[in-house]
Amino acid sequence: MFGRTLNPDPKLPGARSESPGSPAAGATSSANLQASVIGPDLSIIGQRITLVCKSTLIVTGEILGDINGSEVTVGDTGKVTGTITARTIAVHGKVTGALRAESVTLHSTAHIDGDIVQKNLVIAEGAKFDGRVRAATDPSELEPVFDVAALSAAVTSA
C-alpha cells in the first residue's frame, strides 16, 4: 500500500493515533498529522532512487535507495538499503546503510548494518547493530534535503 492519510494505521510502529480533533493533535502541525506509507506489499528498487517526504514516512515494505524525510519509521517488516537522513529515525526492521538524524531510536527488533551519525541515540535491548556511531560535528550533516530540484540536478550531473 502506498498513500497518504490523516489517520495512519495505529498498528504500524511509529504511527500516530491522534485524530485531527484530539487535543494531542492540536499541539502538532498539520504536516505532522499526515503519514506516507510504503506498505509490506510494495518494493521500490532502482538506480539512484531518492525518496523525499516532508512529513512522516512509514516503511513496512522494501526500498533500495536513499530517503530524505522529516520523520522516518522503518516498521517490523520494513527493509531499507541506502542512506536515511531525517530529523528523527525509528527502526524496528532492517536497514543496510547509514542513518543520519538528530534523534535515532533502534527498537529491540532492529537490524542495522551501517554507520550512524546522530545527536541523540537510543538502542533498545535486543537491537542488532554492526557499524560505527559518532556525534555530528556540524548540524548540516543531519539535515535532510527536501529540495527535489537540487537532488534531481545532482543526479543528472553525476
C-alpha atoms as a PDB file:
ATOM      1  CA  MET A   1       0.000   0.000   0.000  1.00  0.00           C
ATOM      2  CA  PHE A   2       1.311   3.441  -0.871  1.00  0.00           C
ATOM      3  CA  GLY A   3      -0.545   6.553   0.066  1.00  0.00           C
ATOM      4  CA  ARG A   4      -1.076   9.496   2.332  1.00  0.00           C
ATOM      5  CA  THR A   5      -3.586   9.526   5.130  1.00  0.00           C
ATOM      6  CA  LEU A   6      -4.571  11.672   8.086  1.00  0.00           C
ATOM      7  CA  ASN A   7      -5.196   8.574  10.217  1.00  0.00           C
ATOM      8  CA  PRO A   8      -2.410   6.047   9.601  1.00  0.00           C
ATOM      9  CA  ASP A   9      -2.962   2.521  10.884  1.00  0.00           C
ATOM     10  CA  PRO A  10      -2.085   2.683  14.601  1.00  0.00           C
ATOM     11  CA  LYS A  11      -0.825  -0.898  14.386  1.00  0.00           C
ATOM     12  CA  LEU A  12       2.145   0.318  12.356  1.00  0.00           C
ATOM     13  CA  PRO A  13       5.162   1.188  14.525  1.00  0.00           C
ATOM     14  CA  GLY A  14       5.615   4.920  14.832  1.00  0.00           C
ATOM     15  CA  ALA A  15       2.151   5.762  13.509  1.00  0.00           C
ATOM     16  CA  ARG A  16       0.229   8.476  15.269  1.00  0.00           C
ATOM     17  CA  SER A  17      -3.087   7.548  16.816  1.00  0.00           C
ATOM     18  CA  GLU A  18      -4.426  11.071  17.317  1.00  0.00           C
ATOM     19  CA  SER A  19      -7.359  12.154  15.228  1.00  0.00           C
ATOM     20  CA  PRO A  20      -7.390  15.695  13.832  1.00  0.00           C
ATOM     21  CA  GLY A  21      -9.808  16.842  16.543  1.00  0.00           C
ATOM     22  CA  SER A  22      -7.957  15.394  19.528  1.00  0.00           C
ATOM     23  CA  PRO A  23      -6.124  17.681  21.976  1.00  0.00           C
ATOM     24  CA  ALA A  24      -2.799  15.970  21.288  1.00  0.00           C
ATOM     25  CA  ALA A  25      -3.240  16.598  17.573  1.00  0.00           C
ATOM     26  CA  GLY A  26      -3.795  20.289  18.168  1.00  0.00           C
ATOM     27  CA  ALA A  27      -0.321  20.530  19.675  1.00  0.00           C
ATOM     28  CA  THR A  28       1.347  19.452  16.419  1.00  0.00           C
ATOM     29  CA  SER A  29       1.381  20.977  12.963  1.00  0.00           C
ATOM     30  CA  SER A  30      -0.974  19.669  10.298  1.00  0.00           C
ATOM     31  CA  ALA A  31       2.003  18.315   8.304  1.00  0.00           C
ATOM     32  CA  ASN A  32       2.889  16.029  11.206  1.00  0.00           C
ATOM     33  CA  LEU A  33      -0.622  14.525  11.177  1.00  0.00           C
ATOM     34  CA  GLN A  34      -0.124  13.117   7.687  1.00  0.00           C
ATOM     35  CA  ALA A  35       1.829   9.954   7.022  1.00  0.00           C
ATOM     36  CA  SER A  36       3.052   8.404   3.808  1.00  0.00           C
ATOM     37  CA  VAL A  37       3.206   4.624   3.930  1.00  0.00           C
ATOM     38  CA  ILE A  38       5.309   2.199   1.909  1.00  0.00           C
ATOM     39  CA  GLY A  39       3.300  -0.945   2.660  1.00  0.00           C
ATOM     40  CA  PRO A  40       4.549  -4.526   3.069  1.00  0.00           C
ATOM     41  CA  ASP A  41       3.455  -5.456  -0.461  1.00  0.00           C
ATOM     42  CA  LEU A  42       5.488  -2.663  -2.112  1.00  0.00           C
ATOM     43  CA  SER A  43       9.152  -2.759  -3.154  1.00  0.00           C
ATOM     44  CA  ILE A  44      10.926   0.252  -4.658  1.00  0.00           C
ATOM     45  CA  ILE A  45      14.110  -0.814  -6.437  1.00  0.00           C
ATOM     46  CA  GLY A  46      16.272   1.017  -8.946  1.00  0.00           C
ATOM     47  CA  GLN A  47      19.406   3.005  -9.524  1.00  0.00           C
ATOM     48  CA  ARG A  48      19.938   6.356  -7.811  1.00  0.00           C
ATOM     49  CA  ILE A  49      16.493   6.448  -6.218  1.00  0.00           C
ATOM     50  CA  THR A  50      15.891   9.055  -3.526  1.00  0.00           C
ATOM     51  CA  LEU A  51      12.583   9.343  -1.692  1.00  0.00           C
ATOM     52  CA  VAL A  52      11.723  12.755  -0.256  1.00  0.00           C
ATOM     53  CA  CYS A  53       8.975  13.072   2.356  1.00  0.00           C
ATOM     54  CA  LYS A  54       8.376  16.343   4.199  1.00  0.00           C
ATOM     55  CA  SER A  55       6.135  14.732   6.829  1.00  0.00           C
ATOM     56  CA  THR A  56       6.088  11.250   8.367  1.00  0.00           C
ATOM     57  CA  LEU A  57       7.176   8.247   6.287  1.00  0.00           C
ATOM     58  CA  ILE A  58       6.423   4.723   7.471  1.00  0.00           C
ATOM     59  CA  VAL A  59       8.230   1.936   5.618  1.00  0.00           C
ATOM     60  CA  THR A  60       6.890  -1.589   6.030  1.00  0.00           C
ATOM     61  CA  GLY A  61       7.905  -2.648   2.510  1.00  0.00           C
ATOM     62  CA  GLU A  62      11.312  -2.626   0.835  1.00  0.00           C
ATOM     63  CA  ILE A  63      13.291   0.327  -0.524  1.00  0.00           C
ATOM     64  CA  LEU A  64      16.567   0.110  -2.398  1.00  0.00           C
ATOM     65  CA  GLY A  65      17.503   3.781  -2.392  1.00  0.00           C
ATOM     66  CA  ASP A  66      18.035   6.787  -0.151  1.00  0.00           C
ATOM     67  CA  ILE A  67      15.422   8.514   1.985  1.00  0.00           C
ATOM     68  CA  ASN A  68      15.252  12.187   2.999  1.00  0.00           C
ATOM     69  CA  GLY A  69      12.433  12.866   5.417  1.00  0.00           C
ATOM     70  CA  SER A  70      11.241  14.729   8.424  1.00  0.00           C
ATOM     71  CA  GLU A  71      10.285  11.674  10.458  1.00  0.00           C
ATOM     72  CA  VAL A  72      11.087   8.170   9.161  1.00  0.00           C
ATOM     73  CA  THR A  73       9.973   4.892  10.735  1.00  0.00           C
ATOM     74  CA  VAL A  74      11.102   1.540   9.397  1.00  0.00           C
ATOM     75  CA  GLY A  75       8.477  -0.952  10.583  1.00  0.00           C
ATOM     76  CA  ASP A  76       8.994  -4.579  11.633  1.00  0.00           C
ATOM     77  CA  THR A  77       8.674  -5.841   8.053  1.00  0.00           C
ATOM     78  CA  GLY A  78      10.493  -2.834   6.541  1.00  0.00           C
ATOM     79  CA  LYS A  79      13.815  -3.145   4.741  1.00  0.00           C
ATOM     80  CA  VAL A  80      15.871  -0.184   3.533  1.00  0.00           C
ATOM     81  CA  THR A  81      19.143  -0.453   1.633  1.00  0.00           C
ATOM     82  CA  GLY A  82      20.523   3.062   1.409  1.00  0.00           C
ATOM     83  CA  THR A  83      21.092   6.166   3.490  1.00  0.00           C
ATOM     84  CA  ILE A  84      18.280   7.525   5.636  1.00  0.00           C
ATOM     85  CA  THR A  85      18.584  11.217   6.523  1.00  0.00           C
ATOM     86  CA  ALA A  86      15.823  12.680   8.682  1.00  0.00           C
ATOM     87  CA  ARG A  87      15.151  14.766  11.749  1.00  0.00           C
ATOM     88  CA  THR A  88      14.044  11.621  13.611  1.00  0.00           C
ATOM     89  CA  ILE A  89      14.502   7.966  12.677  1.00  0.00           C
ATOM     90  CA  ALA A  90      12.938   4.955  14.407  1.00  0.00           C
ATOM     91  CA  VAL A  91      13.923   1.468  13.250  1.00  0.00           C
ATOM     92  CA  HIS A  92      12.016  -1.722  14.014  1.00  0.00           C
ATOM     93  CA  GLY A  93      13.070  -3.581  10.841  1.00  0.00           C
ATOM     94  CA  LYS A  94      16.268  -3.851   8.795  1.00  0.00           C
ATOM     95  CA  VAL A  95      18.493  -1.089   7.424  1.00  0.00           C
ATOM     96  CA  THR A  96      21.656  -1.662   5.412  1.00  0.00           C
ATOM     97  CA  GLY A  97      23.224   1.764   5.080  1.00  0.00           C
ATOM     98  CA  ALA A  98      23.883   4.934   7.032  1.00  0.00           C
ATOM     99  CA  LEU A  99      21.455   6.630   9.410  1.00  0.00           C
ATOM    100  CA  ARG A 100      21.789  10.412   9.831  1.00  0.00           C
ATOM    101  CA  ALA A 101      19.428  12.193  12.221  1.00  0.00           C
ATOM    102  CA  GLU A 102      19.133  14.409  15.250  1.00  0.00           C
ATOM    103  CA  SER A 103      17.382  11.541  17.024  1.00  0.00           C
ATOM    104  CA  VAL A 104      17.819   7.839  16.211  1.00  0.00           C
ATOM    105  CA  THR A 105      15.928   5.070  18.019  1.00  0.00           C
ATOM    106  CA  LEU A 106      16.748   1.404  17.420  1.00  0.00           C
ATOM    107  CA  HIS A 107      13.964  -0.788  18.784  1.00  0.00           C
ATOM    108  CA  SER A 108      14.510  -4.362  20.003  1.00  0.00           C
ATOM    109  CA  THR A 109      13.697  -5.870  16.578  1.00  0.00           C
ATOM    110  CA  ALA A 110      16.050  -3.545  14.630  1.00  0.00           C
ATOM    111  CA  HIS A 111      18.892  -4.890  12.479  1.00  0.00           C
ATOM    112  CA  ILE A 112      21.322  -2.180  11.360  1.00  0.00           C
ATOM    113  CA  ASP A 113      24.367  -2.732   9.157  1.00  0.00           C
ATOM    114  CA  GLY A 114      25.869   0.715   8.680  1.00  0.00           C
ATOM    115  CA  ASP A 115      27.119   3.817  10.412  1.00  0.00           C
ATOM    116  CA  ILE A 116      25.053   6.219  12.491  1.00  0.00           C
ATOM    117  CA  VAL A 117      25.648   9.968  12.677  1.00  0.00           C
ATOM    118  CA  GLN A 118      23.402  11.470  15.326  1.00  0.00           C
ATOM    119  CA  LYS A 119      22.779  13.941  18.097  1.00  0.00           C
ATOM    120  CA  ASN A 120      20.682  11.610  20.323  1.00  0.00           C
ATOM    121  CA  LEU A 121      20.752   7.801  20.155  1.00  0.00           C
ATOM    122  CA  VAL A 122      18.595   5.188  21.907  1.00  0.00           C
ATOM    123  CA  ILE A 123      19.325   1.485  21.437  1.00  0.00           C
ATOM    124  CA  ALA A 124      16.845  -0.968  22.955  1.00  0.00           C
ATOM    125  CA  GLU A 125      17.972  -4.287  24.367  1.00  0.00           C
ATOM    126  CA  GLY A 126      17.899  -6.883  21.608  1.00  0.00           C
ATOM    127  CA  ALA A 127      18.637  -4.492  18.725  1.00  0.00           C
ATOM    128  CA  LYS A 128      21.389  -5.698  16.401  1.00  0.00           C
ATOM    129  CA  PHE A 129      23.853  -3.094  15.184  1.00  0.00           C
ATOM    130  CA  ASP A 130      27.021  -3.516  13.134  1.00  0.00           C
ATOM    131  CA  GLY A 131      28.710  -0.232  12.351  1.00  0.00           C
ATOM    132  CA  ARG A 132      30.145   2.882  13.906  1.00  0.00           C
ATOM    133  CA  VAL A 133      28.415   5.665  15.796  1.00  0.00           C
ATOM    134  CA  ARG A 134      29.550   9.236  16.002  1.00  0.00           C
ATOM    135  CA  ALA A 135      28.093  12.525  17.078  1.00  0.00           C
ATOM    136  CA  ALA A 136      27.539  15.050  14.315  1.00  0.00           C
ATOM    137  CA  THR A 137      30.265  17.679  14.185  1.00  0.00           C
ATOM    138  CA  ASP A 138      28.163  20.026  12.058  1.00  0.00           C
ATOM    139  CA  PRO A 139      24.335  20.322  12.181  1.00  0.00           C
ATOM    140  CA  SER A 140      24.234  20.326   8.349  1.00  0.00           C
ATOM    141  CA  GLU A 141      25.304  16.637   8.415  1.00  0.00           C
ATOM    142  CA  LEU A 142      21.893  15.779   9.857  1.00  0.00           C
ATOM    143  CA  GLU A 143      19.679  17.964   7.676  1.00  0.00           C
ATOM    144  CA  PRO A 144      17.505  16.090   5.177  1.00  0.00           C
ATOM    145  CA  VAL A 145      17.358  17.597   1.682  1.00  0.00           C
ATOM    146  CA  PHE A 146      13.778  18.473   0.730  1.00  0.00           C
ATOM    147  CA  ASP A 147      14.685  20.414  -2.444  1.00  0.00           C
ATOM    148  CA  VAL A 148      13.703  17.954  -5.170  1.00  0.00           C
ATOM    149  CA  ALA A 149      15.118  20.191  -7.932  1.00  0.00           C
ATOM    150  CA  ALA A 150      18.554  20.232  -6.262  1.00  0.00           C
ATOM    151  CA  LEU A 151      18.502  16.441  -5.833  1.00  0.00           C
ATOM    152  CA  SER A 152      17.488  15.994  -9.486  1.00  0.00           C
ATOM    153  CA  ALA A 153      20.273  18.289 -10.666  1.00  0.00           C
ATOM    154  CA  ALA A 154      22.843  16.394  -8.591  1.00  0.00           C
ATOM    155  CA  VAL A 155      21.730  13.066 -10.094  1.00  0.00           C
ATOM    156  CA  THR A 156      21.761  14.288 -13.705  1.00  0.00           C
ATOM    157  CA  SER A 157      25.197  15.881 -13.340  1.00  0.00           C
ATOM    158  CA  ALA A 158      26.739  12.751 -11.795  1.00  0.00           C
END
